[in-house]
């Protein structure tokens, strides 16, 4: 029996919401990431954290205008990377 193909996707995403990756944005990011089986890692400024961890994401302290790198590995990597990119592009659905 063969194993399913796993993909690794890397995306550089620029934070455009006013407060960057603050508590609410980190919670929305982690909630989106949790919907997928793939391993999701987020890198910024030499640090790498689990994209499903609100605290880890907040510890990155990535501000508006900064670029984070999201690395997704797994069977649903394409879908996960696309949804996360959409969330970031939509400014985490914040009004500001």
PDB file of N, CA and C in Angstrom:
ATOM      1  N   UNK A   1       0.846  -1.183   0.000  1.00  0.00           N
ATOM      2  CA  UNK A   1       0.000   0.000   0.000  1.00  0.00           C
ATOM      3  C   UNK A   1       0.889   1.243   0.000  1.00  0.00           C
ATOM      4  N   UNK A   2       0.668   2.131  -0.920  1.00  0.00           N
ATOM      5  CA  UNK A   2       1.503   3.328  -1.017  1.00  0.00           C
ATOM      6  C   UNK A   2       0.966   4.430  -0.112  1.00  0.00           C
ATOM      7  N   UNK A   3       1.894   5.274   0.332  1.00  0.00           N
ATOM      8  CA  UNK A   3       1.521   6.406   1.172  1.00  0.00           C
ATOM      9  C   UNK A   3       1.016   7.540   0.297  1.00  0.00           C
ATOM     10  N   UNK A   4       0.059   8.322   0.783  1.00  0.00           N
ATOM     11  CA  UNK A   4      -0.417   9.463   0.008  1.00  0.00           C
ATOM     12  C   UNK A   4       0.712  10.474  -0.182  1.00  0.00           C
ATOM     13  N   UNK A   5       0.632  11.202  -1.266  1.00  0.00           N
ATOM     14  CA  UNK A   5       1.629  12.232  -1.534  1.00  0.00           C
ATOM     15  C   UNK A   5       1.466  13.376  -0.543  1.00  0.00           C
ATOM     16  N   UNK A   6       2.587  13.784   0.026  1.00  0.00           N
ATOM     17  CA  UNK A   6       2.551  14.960   0.886  1.00  0.00           C
ATOM     18  C   UNK A   6       3.313  16.077   0.191  1.00  0.00           C
ATOM     19  N   UNK A   7       2.776  17.238   0.303  1.00  0.00           N
ATOM     20  CA  UNK A   7       3.377  18.404  -0.341  1.00  0.00           C
ATOM     21  C   UNK A   7       3.923  19.341   0.723  1.00  0.00           C
ATOM     22  N   UNK A   8       4.913  20.116   0.345  1.00  0.00           N
ATOM     23  CA  UNK A   8       5.410  21.192   1.196  1.00  0.00           C
ATOM     24  C   UNK A   8       5.266  22.493   0.419  1.00  0.00           C
ATOM     25  N   UNK A   9       4.554  23.428   1.012  1.00  0.00           N
ATOM     26  CA  UNK A   9       4.291  24.722   0.391  1.00  0.00           C
ATOM     27  C   UNK A   9       4.898  25.801   1.283  1.00  0.00           C
ATOM     28  N   UNK A  10       5.572  26.750   0.675  1.00  0.00           N
ATOM     29  CA  UNK A  10       6.128  27.879   1.415  1.00  0.00           C
ATOM     30  C   UNK A  10       5.573  29.169   0.819  1.00  0.00           C
ATOM     31  N   UNK A  11       5.072  30.030   1.692  1.00  0.00           N
ATOM     32  CA  UNK A  11       4.509  31.309   1.246  1.00  0.00           C
ATOM     33  C   UNK A  11       5.070  32.443   2.091  1.00  0.00           C
ATOM     34  N   UNK A  12       5.472  33.506   1.437  1.00  0.00           N
ATOM     35  CA  UNK A  12       5.840  34.741   2.132  1.00  0.00           C
ATOM     36  C   UNK A  12       4.613  35.638   2.122  1.00  0.00           C
ATOM     37  N   UNK A  13       4.139  36.011   3.307  1.00  0.00           N
ATOM     38  CA  UNK A  13       2.912  36.792   3.438  1.00  0.00           C
ATOM     39  C   UNK A  13       3.188  38.085   4.197  1.00  0.00           C
ATOM     40  N   UNK A  14       2.765  39.198   3.631  1.00  0.00           N
ATOM     41  CA  UNK A  14       2.960  40.501   4.270  1.00  0.00           C
ATOM     42  C   UNK A  14       1.729  40.860   5.093  1.00  0.00           C
ATOM     43  N   UNK A  15       1.968  41.195   6.350  1.00  0.00           N
ATOM     44  CA  UNK A  15       0.884  41.574   7.254  1.00  0.00           C
ATOM     45  C   UNK A  15       0.439  42.989   6.929  1.00  0.00           C
ATOM     46  N   UNK A  16      -0.852  43.148   6.648  1.00  0.00           N
ATOM     47  CA  UNK A  16      -1.378  44.455   6.249  1.00  0.00           C
ATOM     48  C   UNK A  16      -2.392  45.030   7.236  1.00  0.00           C
ATOM     49  N   UNK A  17      -2.731  44.250   8.256  1.00  0.00           N
ATOM     50  CA  UNK A  17      -3.656  44.779   9.255  1.00  0.00           C
ATOM     51  C   UNK A  17      -2.899  45.708  10.202  1.00  0.00           C
ATOM     52  N   UNK A  18      -3.592  46.650  10.782  1.00  0.00           N
ATOM     53  CA  UNK A  18      -2.977  47.739  11.552  1.00  0.00           C
ATOM     54  C   UNK A  18      -2.073  47.257  12.683  1.00  0.00           C
ATOM     55  N   UNK A  19      -2.470  46.210  13.380  1.00  0.00           N
ATOM     56  CA  UNK A  19      -1.720  45.772  14.564  1.00  0.00           C
ATOM     57  C   UNK A  19      -0.828  44.561  14.320  1.00  0.00           C
ATOM     58  N   UNK A  20      -0.741  44.100  13.091  1.00  0.00           N
ATOM     59  CA  UNK A  20       0.113  42.947  12.812  1.00  0.00           C
ATOM     60  C   UNK A  20      -0.424  41.676  13.455  1.00  0.00           C
ATOM     61  N   UNK A  21       0.475  40.821  13.889  1.00  0.00           N
ATOM     62  CA  UNK A  21       0.083  39.513  14.425  1.00  0.00           C
ATOM     63  C   UNK A  21      -0.151  39.610  15.936  1.00  0.00           C
ATOM     64  N   UNK A  22      -1.169  40.366  16.333  1.00  0.00           N
ATOM     65  CA  UNK A  22      -1.536  40.553  17.735  1.00  0.00           C
ATOM     66  C   UNK A  22      -2.469  39.423  18.167  1.00  0.00           C
ATOM     67  N   UNK A  23      -3.024  39.498  19.365  1.00  0.00           N
ATOM     68  CA  UNK A  23      -3.796  38.393  19.941  1.00  0.00           C
ATOM     69  C   UNK A  23      -4.957  37.931  19.062  1.00  0.00           C
ATOM     70  N   UNK A  24      -5.793  38.835  18.620  1.00  0.00           N
ATOM     71  CA  UNK A  24      -6.965  38.445  17.832  1.00  0.00           C
ATOM     72  C   UNK A  24      -6.550  37.852  16.488  1.00  0.00           C
ATOM     73  N   UNK A  25      -5.577  38.479  15.834  1.00  0.00           N
ATOM     74  CA  UNK A  25      -5.096  37.969  14.549  1.00  0.00           C
ATOM     75  C   UNK A  25      -4.442  36.603  14.729  1.00  0.00           C
ATOM     76  N   UNK A  26      -3.661  36.447  15.796  1.00  0.00           N
ATOM     77  CA  UNK A  26      -3.015  35.161  16.069  1.00  0.00           C
ATOM     78  C   UNK A  26      -4.060  34.079  16.329  1.00  0.00           C
ATOM     79  N   UNK A  27      -5.125  34.428  17.040  1.00  0.00           N
ATOM     80  CA  UNK A  27      -6.193  33.466  17.314  1.00  0.00           C
ATOM     81  C   UNK A  27      -6.886  33.039  16.023  1.00  0.00           C
ATOM     82  N   UNK A  28      -7.144  33.975  15.136  1.00  0.00           N
ATOM     83  CA  UNK A  28      -7.785  33.642  13.862  1.00  0.00           C
ATOM     84  C   UNK A  28      -6.860  32.800  12.984  1.00  0.00           C
ATOM     85  N   UNK A  29      -5.571  33.136  12.992  1.00  0.00           N
ATOM     86  CA  UNK A  29      -4.587  32.373  12.227  1.00  0.00           C
ATOM     87  C   UNK A  29      -4.560  30.930  12.743  1.00  0.00           C
ATOM     88  N   UNK A  30      -4.413  30.768  14.067  1.00  0.00           N
ATOM     89  CA  UNK A  30      -4.331  29.437  14.663  1.00  0.00           C
ATOM     90  C   UNK A  30      -5.613  28.640  14.428  1.00  0.00           C
ATOM     91  N   UNK A  31      -6.764  29.282  14.539  1.00  0.00           N
ATOM     92  CA  UNK A  31      -8.039  28.596  14.306  1.00  0.00           C
ATOM     93  C   UNK A  31      -8.133  28.103  12.871  1.00  0.00           C
ATOM     94  N   UNK A  32      -7.669  28.900  11.933  1.00  0.00           N
ATOM     95  CA  UNK A  32      -7.655  28.482  10.531  1.00  0.00           C
ATOM     96  C   UNK A  32      -6.695  27.319  10.351  1.00  0.00           C
ATOM     97  N   UNK A  33      -5.504  27.420  10.916  1.00  0.00           N
ATOM     98  CA  UNK A  33      -4.496  26.363  10.797  1.00  0.00           C
ATOM     99  C   UNK A  33      -4.979  25.052  11.412  1.00  0.00           C
ATOM    100  N   UNK A  34      -5.702  25.132  12.516  1.00  0.00           N
ATOM    101  CA  UNK A  34      -6.197  23.938  13.219  1.00  0.00           C
ATOM    102  C   UNK A  34      -7.159  23.105  12.376  1.00  0.00           C
ATOM    103  N   UNK A  35      -7.769  23.705  11.388  1.00  0.00           N
ATOM    104  CA  UNK A  35      -8.725  22.976  10.555  1.00  0.00           C
ATOM    105  C   UNK A  35      -8.038  21.985   9.617  1.00  0.00           C
ATOM    106  N   UNK A  36      -6.718  22.041   9.546  1.00  0.00           N
ATOM    107  CA  UNK A  36      -5.977  21.203   8.607  1.00  0.00           C
ATOM    108  C   UNK A  36      -5.069  20.226   9.339  1.00  0.00           C
ATOM    109  N   UNK A  37      -4.847  19.070   8.710  1.00  0.00           N
ATOM    110  CA  UNK A  37      -3.959  18.061   9.278  1.00  0.00           C
ATOM    111  C   UNK A  37      -2.495  18.411   9.069  1.00  0.00           C
ATOM    112  N   UNK A  38      -2.189  19.209   8.084  1.00  0.00           N
ATOM    113  CA  UNK A  38      -0.805  19.546   7.756  1.00  0.00           C
ATOM    114  C   UNK A  38      -0.084  20.208   8.925  1.00  0.00           C
ATOM    115  N   UNK A  39       1.240  20.034   8.939  1.00  0.00           N
ATOM    116  CA  UNK A  39       2.097  20.747   9.876  1.00  0.00           C
ATOM    117  C   UNK A  39       2.278  22.156   9.323  1.00  0.00           C
ATOM    118  N   UNK A  40       2.032  23.158  10.147  1.00  0.00           N
ATOM    119  CA  UNK A  40       2.120  24.549   9.706  1.00  0.00           C
ATOM    120  C   UNK A  40       3.099  25.278  10.613  1.00  0.00           C
ATOM    121  N   UNK A  41       4.180  25.757  10.022  1.00  0.00           N
ATOM    122  CA  UNK A  41       5.219  26.485  10.747  1.00  0.00           C
ATOM    123  C   UNK A  41       5.273  27.914  10.213  1.00  0.00           C
ATOM    124  N   UNK A  42       5.496  28.855  11.115  1.00  0.00           N
ATOM    125  CA  UNK A  42       5.573  30.264  10.731  1.00  0.00           C
ATOM    126  C   UNK A  42       6.921  30.808  11.192  1.00  0.00           C
ATOM    127  N   UNK A  43       7.628  31.439  10.269  1.00  0.00           N
ATOM    128  CA  UNK A  43       8.946  31.995  10.576  1.00  0.00           C
ATOM    129  C   UNK A  43       8.937  33.511  10.409  1.00  0.00           C
ATOM    130  N   UNK A  44       9.622  34.169  11.354  1.00  0.00           N
ATOM    131  CA  UNK A  44       9.790  35.619  11.278  1.00  0.00           C
ATOM    132  C   UNK A  44      11.005  36.010  12.100  1.00  0.00           C
ATOM    133  N   UNK A  45      11.869  36.788  11.498  1.00  0.00           N
ATOM    134  CA  UNK A  45      13.005  37.362  12.209  1.00  0.00           C
ATOM    135  C   UNK A  45      13.850  36.305  12.928  1.00  0.00           C
ATOM    136  N   UNK A  46      14.083  35.185  12.261  1.00  0.00           N
ATOM    137  CA  UNK A  46      14.924  34.132  12.823  1.00  0.00           C
ATOM    138  C   UNK A  46      14.240  33.182  13.777  1.00  0.00           C
ATOM    139  N   UNK A  47      12.957  33.373  14.023  1.00  0.00           N
ATOM    140  CA  UNK A  47      12.202  32.478  14.912  1.00  0.00           C
ATOM    141  C   UNK A  47      11.233  31.656  14.091  1.00  0.00           C
ATOM    142  N   UNK A  48      11.012  30.423  14.532  1.00  0.00           N
ATOM    143  CA  UNK A  48      10.085  29.525  13.865  1.00  0.00           C
ATOM    144  C   UNK A  48       9.124  28.970  14.915  1.00  0.00           C
ATOM    145  N   UNK A  49       7.806  29.112  14.670  1.00  0.00           N
ATOM    146  CA  UNK A  49       6.813  28.649  15.641  1.00  0.00           C
ATOM    147  C   UNK A  49       5.737  27.817  14.954  1.00  0.00           C
ATOM    148  N   UNK A  50       5.020  27.068  15.769  1.00  0.00           N
ATOM    149  CA  UNK A  50       3.891  26.278  15.301  1.00  0.00           C
ATOM    150  C   UNK A  50       2.745  27.229  14.947  1.00  0.00           C
ATOM    151  N   UNK A  51       2.247  27.137  13.721  1.00  0.00           N
ATOM    152  CA  UNK A  51       1.169  28.002  13.270  1.00  0.00           C
ATOM    153  C   UNK A  51      -0.173  27.711  13.913  1.00  0.00           C
ATOM    154  N   UNK A  52      -0.238  26.645  14.717  1.00  0.00           N
ATOM    155  CA  UNK A  52      -1.471  26.305  15.415  1.00  0.00           C
ATOM    156  C   UNK A  52      -1.431  26.773  16.868  1.00  0.00           C
ATOM    157  N   UNK A  53      -0.369  27.487  17.235  1.00  0.00           N
ATOM    158  CA  UNK A  53      -0.177  27.972  18.599  1.00  0.00           C
ATOM    159  C   UNK A  53      -0.367  29.490  18.661  1.00  0.00           C
ATOM    160  N   UNK A  54      -1.420  29.917  19.337  1.00  0.00           N
ATOM    161  CA  UNK A  54      -1.677  31.352  19.474  1.00  0.00           C
ATOM    162  C   UNK A  54      -0.498  32.034  20.167  1.00  0.00           C
ATOM    163  N   UNK A  55      -0.031  31.451  21.257  1.00  0.00           N
ATOM    164  CA  UNK A  55       1.077  32.058  21.997  1.00  0.00           C
ATOM    165  C   UNK A  55       2.344  32.126  21.151  1.00  0.00           C
ATOM    166  N   UNK A  56       2.627  31.064  20.420  1.00  0.00           N
ATOM    167  CA  UNK A  56       3.799  31.064  19.553  1.00  0.00           C
ATOM    168  C   UNK A  56       3.721  32.164  18.512  1.00  0.00           C
ATOM    169  N   UNK A  57       2.562  32.300  17.893  1.00  0.00           N
ATOM    170  CA  UNK A  57       2.375  33.336  16.878  1.00  0.00           C
ATOM    171  C   UNK A  57       2.535  34.731  17.468  1.00  0.00           C
ATOM    172  N   UNK A  58       1.977  34.944  18.657  1.00  0.00           N
ATOM    173  CA  UNK A  58       2.096  36.254  19.295  1.00  0.00           C
ATOM    174  C   UNK A  58       3.547  36.565  19.650  1.00  0.00           C
ATOM    175  N   UNK A  59       4.314  35.542  20.025  1.00  0.00           N
ATOM    176  CA  UNK A  59       5.715  35.748  20.396  1.00  0.00           C
ATOM    177  C   UNK A  59       6.565  36.209  19.214  1.00  0.00           C
ATOM    178  N   UNK A  60       6.091  36.002  18.006  1.00  0.00           N
ATOM    179  CA  UNK A  60       6.831  36.484  16.841  1.00  0.00           C
ATOM    180  C   UNK A  60       6.867  38.010  16.795  1.00  0.00           C
ATOM    181  N   UNK A  61       5.856  38.646  17.358  1.00  0.00           N
ATOM    182  CA  UNK A  61       5.762  40.112  17.392  1.00  0.00           C
ATOM    183  C   UNK A  61       5.938  40.722  16.000  1.00  0.00           C
ATOM    184  N   UNK A  62       5.284  40.123  15.019  1.00  0.00           N
ATOM    185  CA  UNK A  62       5.361  40.616  13.638  1.00  0.00           C
ATOM    186  C   UNK A  62       4.368  41.762  13.454  1.00  0.00           C
ATOM    187  N   UNK A  63       4.876  42.912  13.093  1.00  0.00           N
ATOM    188  CA  UNK A  63       4.071  44.130  12.974  1.00  0.00           C
ATOM    189  C   UNK A  63       3.542  44.327  11.554  1.00  0.00           C
ATOM    190  N   UNK A  64       2.643  45.280  11.427  1.00  0.00           N
ATOM    191  CA  UNK A  64       2.100  45.661  10.126  1.00  0.00           C
ATOM    192  C   UNK A  64       3.240  46.001   9.170  1.00  0.00           C
ATOM    193  N   UNK A  65       3.136  45.488   7.952  1.00  0.00           N
ATOM    194  CA  UNK A  65       4.144  45.743   6.935  1.00  0.00           C
ATOM    195  C   UNK A  65       5.262  44.722   6.905  1.00  0.00           C
ATOM    196  N   UNK A  66       5.349  43.887   7.928  1.00  0.00           N
ATOM    197  CA  UNK A  66       6.387  42.856   7.984  1.00  0.00           C
ATOM    198  C   UNK A  66       5.930  41.613   7.233  1.00  0.00           C
ATOM    199  N   UNK A  67       6.890  40.826   6.784  1.00  0.00           N
ATOM    200  CA  UNK A  67       6.593  39.613   6.028  1.00  0.00           C
ATOM    201  C   UNK A  67       6.941  38.385   6.854  1.00  0.00           C
ATOM    202  N   UNK A  68       5.975  37.480   6.978  1.00  0.00           N
ATOM    203  CA  UNK A  68       6.190  36.199   7.642  1.00  0.00           C
ATOM    204  C   UNK A  68       6.295  35.123   6.569  1.00  0.00           C
ATOM    205  N   UNK A  69       6.985  34.043   6.887  1.00  0.00           N
ATOM    206  CA  UNK A  69       7.069  32.905   5.978  1.00  0.00           C
ATOM    207  C   UNK A  69       6.279  31.763   6.586  1.00  0.00           C
ATOM    208  N   UNK A  70       5.334  31.243   5.831  1.00  0.00           N
ATOM    209  CA  UNK A  70       4.495  30.143   6.284  1.00  0.00           C
ATOM    210  C   UNK A  70       4.894  28.901   5.499  1.00  0.00           C
ATOM    211  N   UNK A  71       5.289  27.844   6.224  1.00  0.00           N
ATOM    212  CA  UNK A  71       5.668  26.571   5.616  1.00  0.00           C
ATOM    213  C   UNK A  71       4.648  25.524   6.022  1.00  0.00           C
ATOM    214  N   UNK A  72       4.024  24.908   5.037  1.00  0.00           N
ATOM    215  CA  UNK A  72       2.957  23.943   5.279  1.00  0.00           C
ATOM    216  C   UNK A  72       3.352  22.615   4.649  1.00  0.00           C
ATOM    217  N   UNK A  73       3.315  21.539   5.450  1.00  0.00           N
ATOM    218  CA  UNK A  73       3.665  20.214   4.957  1.00  0.00           C
ATOM    219  C   UNK A  73       2.553  19.237   5.303  1.00  0.00           C
ATOM    220  N   UNK A  74       2.035  18.544   4.293  1.00  0.00           N
ATOM    221  CA  UNK A  74       1.005  17.544   4.536  1.00  0.00           C
ATOM    222  C   UNK A  74       0.131  17.324   3.328  1.00  0.00           C
ATOM    223  N   UNK A  75      -0.813  16.416   3.490  1.00  0.00           N
ATOM    224  CA  UNK A  75      -1.706  16.055   2.392  1.00  0.00           C
ATOM    225  C   UNK A  75      -2.629  17.193   1.978  1.00  0.00           C
ATOM    226  N   UNK A  76      -2.961  18.071   2.905  1.00  0.00           N
ATOM    227  CA  UNK A  76      -3.845  19.201   2.584  1.00  0.00           C
ATOM    228  C   UNK A  76      -3.078  20.531   2.579  1.00  0.00           C
ATOM    229  N   UNK A  77      -1.785  20.464   2.270  1.00  0.00           N
ATOM    230  CA  UNK A  77      -0.917  21.649   2.322  1.00  0.00           C
ATOM    231  C   UNK A  77      -1.372  22.762   1.388  1.00  0.00           C
ATOM    232  N   UNK A  78      -1.761  22.404   0.169  1.00  0.00           N
ATOM    233  CA  UNK A  78      -2.185  23.440  -0.787  1.00  0.00           C
ATOM    234  C   UNK A  78      -3.401  24.198  -0.263  1.00  0.00           C
ATOM    235  N   UNK A  79      -4.395  23.455   0.191  1.00  0.00           N
ATOM    236  CA  UNK A  79      -5.615  24.085   0.700  1.00  0.00           C
ATOM    237  C   UNK A  79      -5.314  24.929   1.943  1.00  0.00           C
ATOM    238  N   UNK A  80      -4.501  24.389   2.846  1.00  0.00           N
ATOM    239  CA  UNK A  80      -4.155  25.122   4.065  1.00  0.00           C
ATOM    240  C   UNK A  80      -3.404  26.410   3.739  1.00  0.00           C
ATOM    241  N   UNK A  81      -2.416  26.317   2.868  1.00  0.00           N
ATOM    242  CA  UNK A  81      -1.628  27.501   2.498  1.00  0.00           C
ATOM    243  C   UNK A  81      -2.508  28.562   1.850  1.00  0.00           C
ATOM    244  N   UNK A  82      -3.430  28.131   1.002  1.00  0.00           N
ATOM    245  CA  UNK A  82      -4.334  29.079   0.338  1.00  0.00           C
ATOM    246  C   UNK A  82      -5.252  29.774   1.339  1.00  0.00           C
ATOM    247  N   UNK A  83      -5.820  29.010   2.278  1.00  0.00           N
ATOM    248  CA  UNK A  83      -6.740  29.614   3.254  1.00  0.00           C
ATOM    249  C   UNK A  83      -6.018  30.577   4.187  1.00  0.00           C
ATOM    250  N   UNK A  84      -4.808  30.213   4.589  1.00  0.00           N
ATOM    251  CA  UNK A  84      -4.029  31.105   5.451  1.00  0.00           C
ATOM    252  C   UNK A  84      -3.653  32.375   4.692  1.00  0.00           C
ATOM    253  N   UNK A  85      -3.232  32.229   3.448  1.00  0.00           N
ATOM    254  CA  UNK A  85      -2.893  33.403   2.629  1.00  0.00           C
ATOM    255  C   UNK A  85      -4.110  34.304   2.453  1.00  0.00           C
ATOM    256  N   UNK A  86      -5.283  33.701   2.224  1.00  0.00           N
ATOM    257  CA  UNK A  86      -6.513  34.489   2.084  1.00  0.00           C
ATOM    258  C   UNK A  86      -6.821  35.257   3.370  1.00  0.00           C
ATOM    259  N   UNK A  87      -6.635  34.602   4.520  1.00  0.00           N
ATOM    260  CA  UNK A  87      -6.890  35.245   5.807  1.00  0.00           C
ATOM    261  C   UNK A  87      -5.963  36.444   6.011  1.00  0.00           C
ATOM    262  N   UNK A  88      -4.687  36.254   5.731  1.00  0.00           N
ATOM    263  CA  UNK A  88      -3.720  37.348   5.895  1.00  0.00           C
ATOM    264  C   UNK A  88      -4.027  38.473   4.911  1.00  0.00           C
ATOM    265  N   UNK A  89      -4.320  38.115   3.658  1.00  0.00           N
ATOM    266  CA  UNK A  89      -4.657  39.131   2.653  1.00  0.00           C
ATOM    267  C   UNK A  89      -5.915  39.909   3.026  1.00  0.00           C
ATOM    268  N   UNK A  90      -6.837  39.253   3.729  1.00  0.00           N
ATOM    269  CA  UNK A  90      -8.083  39.899   4.167  1.00  0.00           C
ATOM    270  C   UNK A  90      -7.895  40.662   5.482  1.00  0.00           C
ATOM    271  N   UNK A  91      -6.643  40.835   5.878  1.00  0.00           N
ATOM    272  CA  UNK A  91      -6.309  41.560   7.115  1.00  0.00           C
ATOM    273  C   UNK A  91      -6.977  40.935   8.329  1.00  0.00           C
ATOM    274  N   UNK A  92      -7.070  39.602   8.317  1.00  0.00           N
ATOM    275  CA  UNK A  92      -7.652  38.848   9.428  1.00  0.00           C
ATOM    276  C   UNK A  92      -9.099  39.260   9.693  1.00  0.00           C
ATOM    277  N   UNK A  93      -9.757  39.831   8.682  1.00  0.00           N
ATOM    278  CA  UNK A  93     -11.156  40.279   8.762  1.00  0.00           C
ATOM    279  C   UNK A  93     -11.353  41.356   9.826  1.00  0.00           C
ATOM    280  N   UNK A  94     -10.311  42.170  10.025  1.00  0.00           N
ATOM    281  CA  UNK A  94     -10.408  43.282  10.969  1.00  0.00           C
ATOM    282  C   UNK A  94     -10.857  44.530  10.227  1.00  0.00           C
ATOM    283  N   UNK A  95     -11.567  45.404  10.926  1.00  0.00           N
ATOM    284  CA  UNK A  95     -12.082  46.614  10.285  1.00  0.00           C
ATOM    285  C   UNK A  95     -10.996  47.661  10.067  1.00  0.00           C
ATOM    286  N   UNK A  96      -9.938  47.615  10.835  1.00  0.00           N
ATOM    287  CA  UNK A  96      -8.860  48.613  10.697  1.00  0.00           C
ATOM    288  C   UNK A  96      -7.731  48.069   9.876  1.00  0.00           C
TER     289      UNK A  96
END
